Amino acid sequence: ESATGIAEFWLNGKPWPRKGLQRGYTVGAEAAILLGQEQDAFGGGFD
């Protein structure tokens, strides 16, 4: 969540200690969403 910058992580139904990340940030809407590769450019640039 942007307002607090709190990142939550759950593994197999159990929560891990929360961490702080990018408070006040906004995630852009025009997105390329991929499963199985990491994008190093919009929609591509895979290693």
ModelCIF file with pLDDT and N, C-alpha, C, O atoms, coordinates in Angstrom:
data_MODEL
#
_entry.id   MODEL 
#
_entity.id                         1 
_entity.type                       polymer 
_entity.pdbx_number_of_molecules   1 
#
_entity_poly.entity_id                      1 
_entity_poly.type                           'polypeptide(L)' 
_entity_poly.nstd_linkage                   no 
_entity_poly.nstd_monomer                   no 
_entity_poly.pdbx_seq_one_letter_code       ESATGIAEFWLNGKPWPRKGLQRGYTVGAEAAILLGQEQDAFGGGFD 
_entity_poly.pdbx_seq_one_letter_code_can   ESATGIAEFWLNGKPWPRKGLQRGYTVGAEAAILLGQEQDAFGGGFD 
_entity_poly.pdbx_strand_id                 A 
#
loop_
_entity_poly_seq.entity_id 
_entity_poly_seq.num 
_entity_poly_seq.mon_id 
_entity_poly_seq.hetero 
1 1  GLU n 
1 2  SER n 
1 3  ALA n 
1 4  THR n 
1 5  GLY n 
1 6  ILE n 
1 7  ALA n 
1 8  GLU n 
1 9  PHE n 
1 10 TRP n 
1 11 LEU n 
1 12 ASN n 
1 13 GLY n 
1 14 LYS n 
1 15 PRO n 
1 16 TRP n 
1 17 PRO n 
1 18 ARG n 
1 19 LYS n 
1 20 GLY n 
1 21 LEU n 
1 22 GLN n 
1 23 ARG n 
1 24 GLY n 
1 25 TYR n 
1 26 THR n 
1 27 VAL n 
1 28 GLY n 
1 29 ALA n 
1 30 GLU n 
1 31 ALA n 
1 32 ALA n 
1 33 ILE n 
1 34 LEU n 
1 35 LEU n 
1 36 GLY n 
1 37 GLN n 
1 38 GLU n 
1 39 GLN n 
1 40 ASP n 
1 41 ALA n 
1 42 PHE n 
1 43 GLY n 
1 44 GLY n 
1 45 GLY n 
1 46 PHE n 
1 47 ASP n 
#
_struct_asym.id          A 
_struct_asym.entity_id   1 
#
loop_
_ma_qa_metric.id 
_ma_qa_metric.mode 
_ma_qa_metric.name 
_ma_qa_metric.software_group_id 
_ma_qa_metric.type 
1 global pLDDT . pLDDT 
2 local  pLDDT . pLDDT 
#
_ma_qa_metric_global.metric_id      1 
_ma_qa_metric_global.metric_value   97.30 
_ma_qa_metric_global.model_id       1 
_ma_qa_metric_global.ordinal_id     1 
#
loop_
_ma_qa_metric_local.label_asym_id 
_ma_qa_metric_local.label_comp_id 
_ma_qa_metric_local.label_seq_id 
_ma_qa_metric_local.metric_id 
_ma_qa_metric_local.metric_value 
_ma_qa_metric_local.model_id 
_ma_qa_metric_local.ordinal_id 
A GLU 1  2 98.00 1 1  
A SER 2  2 98.00 1 2  
A ALA 3  2 98.00 1 3  
A THR 4  2 98.00 1 4  
A GLY 5  2 98.00 1 5  
A ILE 6  2 98.00 1 6  
A ALA 7  2 98.00 1 7  
A GLU 8  2 98.00 1 8  
A PHE 9  2 98.00 1 9  
A TRP 10 2 98.00 1 10 
A LEU 11 2 98.00 1 11 
A ASN 12 2 97.00 1 12 
A GLY 13 2 97.00 1 13 
A LYS 14 2 98.00 1 14 
A PRO 15 2 98.00 1 15 
A TRP 16 2 98.00 1 16 
A PRO 17 2 98.00 1 17 
A ARG 18 2 98.00 1 18 
A LYS 19 2 98.00 1 19 
A GLY 20 2 98.00 1 20 
A LEU 21 2 98.00 1 21 
A GLN 22 2 98.00 1 22 
A ARG 23 2 98.00 1 23 
A GLY 24 2 98.00 1 24 
A TYR 25 2 98.00 1 25 
A THR 26 2 98.00 1 26 
A VAL 27 2 98.00 1 27 
A GLY 28 2 96.00 1 28 
A ALA 29 2 94.00 1 29 
A GLU 30 2 92.00 1 30 
A ALA 31 2 95.00 1 31 
A ALA 32 2 97.00 1 32 
A ILE 33 2 98.00 1 33 
A LEU 34 2 98.00 1 34 
A LEU 35 2 98.00 1 35 
A GLY 36 2 98.00 1 36 
A GLN 37 2 98.00 1 37 
A GLU 38 2 97.00 1 38 
A GLN 39 2 97.00 1 39 
A ASP 40 2 97.00 1 40 
A ALA 41 2 96.00 1 41 
A PHE 42 2 96.00 1 42 
A GLY 43 2 96.00 1 43 
A GLY 44 2 96.00 1 44 
A GLY 45 2 96.00 1 45 
A PHE 46 2 97.00 1 46 
A ASP 47 2 97.00 1 47 
#
loop_
_atom_site.group_PDB 
_atom_site.id 
_atom_site.type_symbol 
_atom_site.label_atom_id 
_atom_site.label_alt_id 
_atom_site.label_comp_id 
_atom_site.label_asym_id 
_atom_site.label_entity_id 
_atom_site.label_seq_id 
_atom_site.pdbx_PDB_ins_code 
_atom_site.Cartn_x 
_atom_site.Cartn_y 
_atom_site.Cartn_z 
_atom_site.occupancy 
_atom_site.B_iso_or_equiv 
_atom_site.pdbx_formal_charge 
_atom_site.auth_seq_id 
_atom_site.auth_comp_id 
_atom_site.auth_asym_id 
_atom_site.auth_atom_id 
_atom_site.pdbx_PDB_model_num 
ATOM 1   N N  . GLU A 1 1  ? 0.847  -1.200  0.000   1.00 98.00 ? 1  GLU A N  1 
ATOM 2   C CA . GLU A 1 1  ? 0.000  0.000   0.000   1.00 98.00 ? 1  GLU A CA 1 
ATOM 3   C C  . GLU A 1 1  ? 0.876  1.241   0.000   1.00 98.00 ? 1  GLU A C  1 
ATOM 4   O O  . GLU A 1 1  ? 1.843  1.360   0.753   1.00 98.00 ? 1  GLU A O  1 
ATOM 5   N N  . SER A 1 2  ? 0.489  2.174   -0.891  1.00 98.00 ? 2  SER A N  1 
ATOM 6   C CA . SER A 1 2  ? 1.261  3.396   -1.082  1.00 98.00 ? 2  SER A CA 1 
ATOM 7   C C  . SER A 1 2  ? 1.253  4.280   0.160   1.00 98.00 ? 2  SER A C  1 
ATOM 8   O O  . SER A 1 2  ? 2.283  4.846   0.524   1.00 98.00 ? 2  SER A O  1 
ATOM 9   N N  . ALA A 1 3  ? 0.098  4.402   0.813   1.00 98.00 ? 3  ALA A N  1 
ATOM 10  C CA . ALA A 1 3  ? -0.055 5.361   1.926   1.00 98.00 ? 3  ALA A CA 1 
ATOM 11  C C  . ALA A 1 3  ? 0.946  5.108   3.043   1.00 98.00 ? 3  ALA A C  1 
ATOM 12  O O  . ALA A 1 3  ? 1.489  6.056   3.609   1.00 98.00 ? 3  ALA A O  1 
ATOM 13  N N  . THR A 1 4  ? 1.203  3.831   3.374   1.00 98.00 ? 4  THR A N  1 
ATOM 14  C CA . THR A 1 4  ? 2.129  3.500   4.463   1.00 98.00 ? 4  THR A CA 1 
ATOM 15  C C  . THR A 1 4  ? 3.446  2.943   3.939   1.00 98.00 ? 4  THR A C  1 
ATOM 16  O O  . THR A 1 4  ? 4.429  2.877   4.678   1.00 98.00 ? 4  THR A O  1 
ATOM 17  N N  . GLY A 1 5  ? 3.475  2.539   2.660   1.00 98.00 ? 5  GLY A N  1 
ATOM 18  C CA . GLY A 1 5  ? 4.653  1.863   2.125   1.00 98.00 ? 5  GLY A CA 1 
ATOM 19  C C  . GLY A 1 5  ? 4.857  0.475   2.713   1.00 98.00 ? 5  GLY A C  1 
ATOM 20  O O  . GLY A 1 5  ? 5.959  -0.071  2.665   1.00 98.00 ? 5  GLY A O  1 
ATOM 21  N N  . ILE A 1 6  ? 3.788  -0.095  3.269   1.00 98.00 ? 6  ILE A N  1 
ATOM 22  C CA . ILE A 1 6  ? 3.921  -1.414  3.897   1.00 98.00 ? 6  ILE A CA 1 
ATOM 23  C C  . ILE A 1 6  ? 3.788  -2.518  2.844   1.00 98.00 ? 6  ILE A C  1 
ATOM 24  O O  . ILE A 1 6  ? 2.825  -2.551  2.077   1.00 98.00 ? 6  ILE A O  1 
ATOM 25  N N  . ALA A 1 7  ? 4.771  -3.419  2.823   1.00 98.00 ? 7  ALA A N  1 
ATOM 26  C CA . ALA A 1 7  ? 4.723  -4.602  1.960   1.00 98.00 ? 7  ALA A CA 1 
ATOM 27  C C  . ALA A 1 7  ? 4.474  -5.820  2.842   1.00 98.00 ? 7  ALA A C  1 
ATOM 28  O O  . ALA A 1 7  ? 5.170  -6.047  3.832   1.00 98.00 ? 7  ALA A O  1 
ATOM 29  N N  . GLU A 1 8  ? 3.471  -6.591  2.460   1.00 98.00 ? 8  GLU A N  1 
ATOM 30  C CA . GLU A 1 8  ? 3.150  -7.829  3.176   1.00 98.00 ? 8  GLU A CA 1 
ATOM 31  C C  . GLU A 1 8  ? 3.522  -9.010  2.310   1.00 98.00 ? 8  GLU A C  1 
ATOM 32  O O  . GLU A 1 8  ? 3.405  -8.953  1.086   1.00 98.00 ? 8  GLU A O  1 
ATOM 33  N N  . PHE A 1 9  ? 3.972  -10.079 2.942   1.00 98.00 ? 9  PHE A N  1 
ATOM 34  C CA . PHE A 1 9  ? 4.310  -11.301 2.202   1.00 98.00 ? 9  PHE A CA 1 
ATOM 35  C C  . PHE A 1 9  ? 3.745  -12.499 2.944   1.00 98.00 ? 9  PHE A C  1 
ATOM 36  O O  . PHE A 1 9  ? 3.961  -12.664 4.145   1.00 98.00 ? 9  PHE A O  1 
ATOM 37  N N  . TRP A 1 10 ? 3.015  -13.337 2.208   1.00 98.00 ? 10 TRP A N  1 
ATOM 38  C CA . TRP A 1 10 ? 2.418  -14.546 2.780   1.00 98.00 ? 10 TRP A CA 1 
ATOM 39  C C  . TRP A 1 10 ? 2.923  -15.752 2.000   1.00 98.00 ? 10 TRP A C  1 
ATOM 40  O O  . TRP A 1 10 ? 2.907  -15.758 0.769   1.00 98.00 ? 10 TRP A O  1 
ATOM 41  N N  . LEU A 1 11 ? 3.368  -16.763 2.718   1.00 98.00 ? 11 LEU A N  1 
ATOM 42  C CA . LEU A 1 11 ? 3.804  -18.014 2.089   1.00 98.00 ? 11 LEU A CA 1 
ATOM 43  C C  . LEU A 1 11 ? 2.974  -19.156 2.665   1.00 98.00 ? 11 LEU A C  1 
ATOM 44  O O  . LEU A 1 11 ? 2.941  -19.380 3.875   1.00 98.00 ? 11 LEU A O  1 
ATOM 45  N N  . ASN A 1 12 ? 2.304  -19.871 1.761   1.00 97.00 ? 12 ASN A N  1 
ATOM 46  C CA . ASN A 1 12 ? 1.464  -21.003 2.170   1.00 97.00 ? 12 ASN A CA 1 
ATOM 47  C C  . ASN A 1 12 ? 0.508  -20.647 3.313   1.00 97.00 ? 12 ASN A C  1 
ATOM 48  O O  . ASN A 1 12 ? 0.355  -21.387 4.285   1.00 97.00 ? 12 ASN A O  1 
ATOM 49  N N  . GLY A 1 13 ? -0.130 -19.478 3.153   1.00 97.00 ? 13 GLY A N  1 
ATOM 50  C CA . GLY A 1 13 ? -1.168 -19.063 4.105   1.00 97.00 ? 13 GLY A CA 1 
ATOM 51  C C  . GLY A 1 13 ? -0.664 -18.457 5.390   1.00 97.00 ? 13 GLY A C  1 
ATOM 52  O O  . GLY A 1 13 ? -1.455 -18.201 6.298   1.00 97.00 ? 13 GLY A O  1 
ATOM 53  N N  . LYS A 1 14 ? 0.655  -18.215 5.497   1.00 98.00 ? 14 LYS A N  1 
ATOM 54  C CA . LYS A 1 14 ? 1.203  -17.638 6.734   1.00 98.00 ? 14 LYS A CA 1 
ATOM 55  C C  . LYS A 1 14 ? 1.923  -16.323 6.427   1.00 98.00 ? 14 LYS A C  1 
ATOM 56  O O  . LYS A 1 14 ? 2.659  -16.230 5.444   1.00 98.00 ? 14 LYS A O  1 
ATOM 57  N N  . PRO A 1 15 ? 1.704  -15.292 7.284   1.00 98.00 ? 15 PRO A N  1 
ATOM 58  C CA . PRO A 1 15 ? 2.348  -13.996 7.046   1.00 98.00 ? 15 PRO A CA 1 
ATOM 59  C C  . PRO A 1 15 ? 3.782  -13.957 7.553   1.00 98.00 ? 15 PRO A C  1 
ATOM 60  O O  . PRO A 1 15 ? 4.102  -14.537 8.591   1.00 98.00 ? 15 PRO A O  1 
ATOM 61  N N  . TRP A 1 16 ? 4.639  -13.268 6.811   1.00 98.00 ? 16 TRP A N  1 
ATOM 62  C CA . TRP A 1 16 ? 6.022  -12.992 7.221   1.00 98.00 ? 16 TRP A CA 1 
ATOM 63  C C  . TRP A 1 16 ? 6.042  -11.585 7.833   1.00 98.00 ? 16 TRP A C  1 
ATOM 64  O O  . TRP A 1 16 ? 5.093  -10.826 7.638   1.00 98.00 ? 16 TRP A O  1 
ATOM 65  N N  . PRO A 1 17 ? 7.104  -11.220 8.570   1.00 98.00 ? 17 PRO A N  1 
ATOM 66  C CA . PRO A 1 17 ? 7.171  -9.849  9.091   1.00 98.00 ? 17 PRO A CA 1 
ATOM 67  C C  . PRO A 1 17 ? 7.090  -8.823  7.950   1.00 98.00 ? 17 PRO A C  1 
ATOM 68  O O  . PRO A 1 17 ? 7.744  -8.975  6.918   1.00 98.00 ? 17 PRO A O  1 
ATOM 69  N N  . ARG A 1 18 ? 6.283  -7.783  8.154   1.00 98.00 ? 18 ARG A N  1 
ATOM 70  C CA . ARG A 1 18 ? 6.069  -6.775  7.116   1.00 98.00 ? 18 ARG A CA 1 
ATOM 71  C C  . ARG A 1 18 ? 7.301  -5.886  6.947   1.00 98.00 ? 18 ARG A C  1 
ATOM 72  O O  . ARG A 1 18 ? 8.098  -5.710  7.869   1.00 98.00 ? 18 ARG A O  1 
ATOM 73  N N  . LYS A 1 19 ? 7.431  -5.334  5.744   1.00 98.00 ? 19 LYS A N  1 
ATOM 74  C CA . LYS A 1 19 ? 8.582  -4.460  5.453   1.00 98.00 ? 19 LYS A CA 1 
ATOM 75  C C  . LYS A 1 19 ? 8.098  -3.177  4.784   1.00 98.00 ? 19 LYS A C  1 
ATOM 76  O O  . LYS A 1 19 ? 6.964  -3.088  4.314   1.00 98.00 ? 19 LYS A O  1 
ATOM 77  N N  . GLY A 1 20 ? 8.992  -2.184  4.754   1.00 98.00 ? 20 GLY A N  1 
ATOM 78  C CA . GLY A 1 20 ? 8.646  -0.884  4.168   1.00 98.00 ? 20 GLY A CA 1 
ATOM 79  C C  . GLY A 1 20 ? 9.228  -0.743  2.766   1.00 98.00 ? 20 GLY A C  1 
ATOM 80  O O  . GLY A 1 20 ? 10.371 -1.127  2.515   1.00 98.00 ? 20 GLY A O  1 
ATOM 81  N N  . LEU A 1 21 ? 8.422  -0.183  1.848   1.00 98.00 ? 21 LEU A N  1 
ATOM 82  C CA . LEU A 1 21 ? 8.857  -0.082  0.453   1.00 98.00 ? 21 LEU A CA 1 
ATOM 83  C C  . LEU A 1 21 ? 8.079  1.014   -0.274  1.00 98.00 ? 21 LEU A C  1 
ATOM 84  O O  . LEU A 1 21 ? 6.849  0.975   -0.323  1.00 98.00 ? 21 LEU A O  1 
ATOM 85  N N  . GLN A 1 22 ? 8.788  1.983   -0.833  1.00 98.00 ? 22 GLN A N  1 
ATOM 86  C CA . GLN A 1 22 ? 8.219  2.949   -1.778  1.00 98.00 ? 22 GLN A CA 1 
ATOM 87  C C  . GLN A 1 22 ? 6.953  3.663   -1.277  1.00 98.00 ? 22 GLN A C  1 
ATOM 88  O O  . GLN A 1 22 ? 5.946  3.736   -1.981  1.00 98.00 ? 22 GLN A O  1 
ATOM 89  N N  . ARG A 1 23 ? 7.029  4.179   -0.062  1.00 98.00 ? 23 ARG A N  1 
ATOM 90  C CA . ARG A 1 23 ? 5.890  4.934   0.473   1.00 98.00 ? 23 ARG A CA 1 
ATOM 91  C C  . ARG A 1 23 ? 5.561  6.121   -0.431  1.00 98.00 ? 23 ARG A C  1 
ATOM 92  O O  . ARG A 1 23 ? 6.456  6.859   -0.845  1.00 98.00 ? 23 ARG A O  1 
ATOM 93  N N  . GLY A 1 24 ? 4.271  6.303   -0.735  1.00 98.00 ? 24 GLY A N  1 
ATOM 94  C CA . GLY A 1 24 ? 3.843  7.431   -1.560  1.00 98.00 ? 24 GLY A CA 1 
ATOM 95  C C  . GLY A 1 24 ? 3.963  7.195   -3.061  1.00 98.00 ? 24 GLY A C  1 
ATOM 96  O O  . GLY A 1 24 ? 3.611  8.064   -3.858  1.00 98.00 ? 24 GLY A O  1 
ATOM 97  N N  . TYR A 1 25 ? 4.457  6.027   -3.447  1.00 98.00 ? 25 TYR A N  1 
ATOM 98  C CA . TYR A 1 25 ? 4.644  5.721   -4.874  1.00 98.00 ? 25 TYR A CA 1 
ATOM 99  C C  . TYR A 1 25 ? 3.305  5.346   -5.521  1.00 98.00 ? 25 TYR A C  1 
ATOM 100 O O  . TYR A 1 25 ? 2.377  4.920   -4.834  1.00 98.00 ? 25 TYR A O  1 
ATOM 101 N N  . THR A 1 26 ? 3.211  5.506   -6.836  1.00 98.00 ? 26 THR A N  1 
ATOM 102 C CA . THR A 1 26 ? 2.033  5.069   -7.583  1.00 98.00 ? 26 THR A CA 1 
ATOM 103 C C  . THR A 1 26 ? 2.483  4.159   -8.720  1.00 98.00 ? 26 THR A C  1 
ATOM 104 O O  . THR A 1 26 ? 3.380  4.506   -9.488  1.00 98.00 ? 26 THR A O  1 
ATOM 105 N N  . VAL A 1 27 ? 1.854  2.997   -8.818  1.00 98.00 ? 27 VAL A N  1 
ATOM 106 C CA . VAL A 1 27 ? 2.178  2.029   -9.870  1.00 98.00 ? 27 VAL A CA 1 
ATOM 107 C C  . VAL A 1 27 ? 1.416  2.400   -11.139 1.00 98.00 ? 27 VAL A C  1 
ATOM 108 O O  . VAL A 1 27 ? 0.194  2.546   -11.110 1.00 98.00 ? 27 VAL A O  1 
ATOM 109 N N  . GLY A 1 28 ? 2.132  2.553   -12.250 1.00 96.00 ? 28 GLY A N  1 
ATOM 110 C CA . GLY A 1 28 ? 1.518  2.971   -13.510 1.00 96.00 ? 28 GLY A CA 1 
ATOM 111 C C  . GLY A 1 28 ? 0.522  1.952   -14.059 1.00 96.00 ? 28 GLY A C  1 
ATOM 112 O O  . GLY A 1 28 ? 0.590  0.766   -13.735 1.00 96.00 ? 28 GLY A O  1 
ATOM 113 N N  . ALA A 1 29 ? -0.411 2.433   -14.899 1.00 94.00 ? 29 ALA A N  1 
ATOM 114 C CA . ALA A 1 29 ? -1.507 1.586   -15.366 1.00 94.00 ? 29 ALA A CA 1 
ATOM 115 C C  . ALA A 1 29 ? -1.247 0.922   -16.720 1.00 94.00 ? 29 ALA A C  1 
ATOM 116 O O  . ALA A 1 29 ? -1.732 -0.184  -16.958 1.00 94.00 ? 29 ALA A O  1 
ATOM 117 N N  . GLU A 1 30 ? -0.497 1.568   -17.609 1.00 92.00 ? 30 GLU A N  1 
ATOM 118 C CA . GLU A 1 30 ? -0.288 1.004   -18.952 1.00 92.00 ? 30 GLU A CA 1 
ATOM 119 C C  . GLU A 1 30 ? 0.767  -0.088  -18.845 1.00 92.00 ? 30 GLU A C  1 
ATOM 120 O O  . GLU A 1 30 ? 1.959  0.180   -18.996 1.00 92.00 ? 30 GLU A O  1 
ATOM 121 N N  . ALA A 1 31 ? 0.332  -1.315  -18.585 1.00 95.00 ? 31 ALA A N  1 
ATOM 122 C CA . ALA A 1 31 ? 1.292  -2.347  -18.202 1.00 95.00 ? 31 ALA A CA 1 
ATOM 123 C C  . ALA A 1 31 ? 1.341  -3.521  -19.167 1.00 95.00 ? 31 ALA A C  1 
ATOM 124 O O  . ALA A 1 31 ? 0.344  -3.877  -19.795 1.00 95.00 ? 31 ALA A O  1 
ATOM 125 N N  . ALA A 1 32 ? 2.542  -4.120  -19.269 1.00 97.00 ? 32 ALA A N  1 
ATOM 126 C CA . ALA A 1 32 ? 2.703  -5.445  -19.876 1.00 97.00 ? 32 ALA A CA 1 
ATOM 127 C C  . ALA A 1 32 ? 2.883  -6.417  -18.710 1.00 97.00 ? 32 ALA A C  1 
ATOM 128 O O  . ALA A 1 32 ? 3.796  -6.253  -17.901 1.00 97.00 ? 32 ALA A O  1 
ATOM 129 N N  . ILE A 1 33 ? 2.018  -7.427  -18.622 1.00 98.00 ? 33 ILE A N  1 
ATOM 130 C CA . ILE A 1 33 ? 2.051  -8.369  -17.498 1.00 98.00 ? 33 ILE A CA 1 
ATOM 131 C C  . ILE A 1 33 ? 2.438  -9.752  -18.021 1.00 98.00 ? 33 ILE A C  1 
ATOM 132 O O  . ILE A 1 33 ? 1.749  -10.326 -18.864 1.00 98.00 ? 33 ILE A O  1 
ATOM 133 N N  . LEU A 1 34 ? 3.550  -10.273 -17.505 1.00 98.00 ? 34 LEU A N  1 
ATOM 134 C CA . LEU A 1 34 ? 4.095  -11.538 -17.989 1.00 98.00 ? 34 LEU A CA 1 
ATOM 135 C C  . LEU A 1 34 ? 4.321  -12.512 -16.846 1.00 98.00 ? 34 LEU A C  1 
ATOM 136 O O  . LEU A 1 34 ? 4.706  -12.117 -15.746 1.00 98.00 ? 34 LEU A O  1 
ATOM 137 N N  . LEU A 1 35 ? 4.082  -13.780 -17.116 1.00 98.00 ? 35 LEU A N  1 
ATOM 138 C CA . LEU A 1 35 ? 4.409  -14.850 -16.182 1.00 98.00 ? 35 LEU A CA 1 
ATOM 139 C C  . LEU A 1 35 ? 5.590  -15.624 -16.764 1.00 98.00 ? 35 LEU A C  1 
ATOM 140 O O  . LEU A 1 35 ? 5.587  -15.978 -17.943 1.00 98.00 ? 35 LEU A O  1 
ATOM 141 N N  . GLY A 1 36 ? 6.591  -15.884 -15.937 1.00 98.00 ? 36 GLY A N  1 
ATOM 142 C CA . GLY A 1 36 ? 7.668  -16.775 -16.350 1.00 98.00 ? 36 GLY A CA 1 
ATOM 143 C C  . GLY A 1 36 ? 8.912  -16.103 -16.905 1.00 98.00 ? 36 GLY A C  1 
ATOM 144 O O  . GLY A 1 36 ? 9.913  -16.778 -17.146 1.00 98.00 ? 36 GLY A O  1 
ATOM 145 N N  . GLN A 1 37 ? 8.877  -14.769 -17.118 1.00 98.00 ? 37 GLN A N  1 
ATOM 146 C CA . GLN A 1 37 ? 10.066 -14.029 -17.543 1.00 98.00 ? 37 GLN A CA 1 
ATOM 147 C C  . GLN A 1 37 ? 10.105 -12.709 -16.782 1.00 98.00 ? 37 GLN A C  1 
ATOM 148 O O  . GLN A 1 37 ? 9.086  -12.199 -16.318 1.00 98.00 ? 37 GLN A O  1 
ATOM 149 N N  . GLU A 1 38 ? 11.324 -12.174 -16.673 1.00 97.00 ? 38 GLU A N  1 
ATOM 150 C CA . GLU A 1 38 ? 11.467 -10.845 -16.080 1.00 97.00 ? 38 GLU A CA 1 
ATOM 151 C C  . GLU A 1 38 ? 11.735 -9.855  -17.213 1.00 97.00 ? 38 GLU A C  1 
ATOM 152 O O  . GLU A 1 38 ? 12.654 -10.050 -18.008 1.00 97.00 ? 38 GLU A O  1 
ATOM 153 N N  . GLN A 1 39 ? 10.936 -8.801  -17.283 1.00 97.00 ? 39 GLN A N  1 
ATOM 154 C CA . GLN A 1 39 ? 11.090 -7.810  -18.344 1.00 97.00 ? 39 GLN A CA 1 
ATOM 155 C C  . GLN A 1 39 ? 12.196 -6.810  -17.994 1.00 97.00 ? 39 GLN A C  1 
ATOM 156 O O  . GLN A 1 39 ? 12.199 -6.216  -16.915 1.00 97.00 ? 39 GLN A O  1 
ATOM 157 N N  . ASP A 1 40 ? 13.126 -6.640  -18.924 1.00 97.00 ? 40 ASP A N  1 
ATOM 158 C CA . ASP A 1 40 ? 14.122 -5.572  -18.776 1.00 97.00 ? 40 ASP A CA 1 
ATOM 159 C C  . ASP A 1 40 ? 13.800 -4.426  -19.725 1.00 97.00 ? 40 ASP A C  1 
ATOM 160 O O  . ASP A 1 40 ? 14.496 -3.411  -19.757 1.00 97.00 ? 40 ASP A O  1 
ATOM 161 N N  . ALA A 1 41 ? 12.738 -4.608  -20.492 1.00 96.00 ? 41 ALA A N  1 
ATOM 162 C CA . ALA A 1 41 ? 12.186 -3.552  -21.342 1.00 96.00 ? 41 ALA A CA 1 
ATOM 163 C C  . ALA A 1 41 ? 10.698 -3.844  -21.413 1.00 96.00 ? 41 ALA A C  1 
ATOM 164 O O  . ALA A 1 41 ? 10.270 -4.946  -21.071 1.00 96.00 ? 41 ALA A O  1 
ATOM 165 N N  . PHE A 1 42 ? 9.904  -2.881  -21.848 1.00 96.00 ? 42 PHE A N  1 
ATOM 166 C CA . PHE A 1 42 ? 8.448  -3.050  -21.878 1.00 96.00 ? 42 PHE A CA 1 
ATOM 167 C C  . PHE A 1 42 ? 8.075  -4.239  -22.775 1.00 96.00 ? 42 PHE A C  1 
ATOM 168 O O  . PHE A 1 42 ? 8.226  -4.167  -23.994 1.00 96.00 ? 42 PHE A O  1 
ATOM 169 N N  . GLY A 1 43 ? 7.592  -5.324  -22.174 1.00 96.00 ? 43 GLY A N  1 
ATOM 170 C CA . GLY A 1 43 ? 7.161  -6.500  -22.945 1.00 96.00 ? 43 GLY A CA 1 
ATOM 171 C C  . GLY A 1 43 ? 8.290  -7.356  -23.479 1.00 96.00 ? 43 GLY A C  1 
ATOM 172 O O  . GLY A 1 43 ? 8.044  -8.246  -24.293 1.00 96.00 ? 43 GLY A O  1 
ATOM 173 N N  . GLY A 1 44 ? 9.535  -7.115  -23.043 1.00 96.00 ? 44 GLY A N  1 
ATOM 174 C CA . GLY A 1 44 ? 10.646 -7.910  -23.581 1.00 96.00 ? 44 GLY A CA 1 
ATOM 175 C C  . GLY A 1 44 ? 11.926 -7.718  -22.805 1.00 96.00 ? 44 GLY A C  1 
ATOM 176 O O  . GLY A 1 44 ? 11.912 -7.419  -21.611 1.00 96.00 ? 44 GLY A O  1 
ATOM 177 N N  . GLY A 1 45 ? 13.065 -7.899  -23.519 1.00 96.00 ? 45 GLY A N  1 
ATOM 178 C CA . GLY A 1 45 ? 14.380 -7.739  -22.880 1.00 96.00 ? 45 GLY A CA 1 
ATOM 179 C C  . GLY A 1 45 ? 14.674 -8.817  -21.865 1.00 96.00 ? 45 GLY A C  1 
ATOM 180 O O  . GLY A 1 45 ? 15.144 -8.527  -20.765 1.00 96.00 ? 45 GLY A O  1 
ATOM 181 N N  . PHE A 1 46 ? 14.397 -10.077 -22.228 1.00 97.00 ? 46 PHE A N  1 
ATOM 182 C CA . PHE A 1 46 ? 14.527 -11.157 -21.242 1.00 97.00 ? 46 PHE A CA 1 
ATOM 183 C C  . PHE A 1 46 ? 15.965 -11.648 -21.097 1.00 97.00 ? 46 PHE A C  1 
ATOM 184 O O  . PHE A 1 46 ? 16.756 -11.605 -22.039 1.00 97.00 ? 46 PHE A O  1 
ATOM 185 N N  . ASP A 1 47 ? 16.277 -12.117 -19.889 1.00 97.00 ? 47 ASP A N  1 
ATOM 186 C CA . ASP A 1 47 ? 17.480 -12.890 -19.643 1.00 97.00 ? 47 ASP A CA 1 
ATOM 187 C C  . ASP A 1 47 ? 16.999 -14.319 -19.382 1.00 97.00 ? 47 ASP A C  1 
ATOM 188 O O  . ASP A 1 47 ? 17.813 -15.209 -19.140 1.00 97.00 ? 47 ASP A O  1 
#
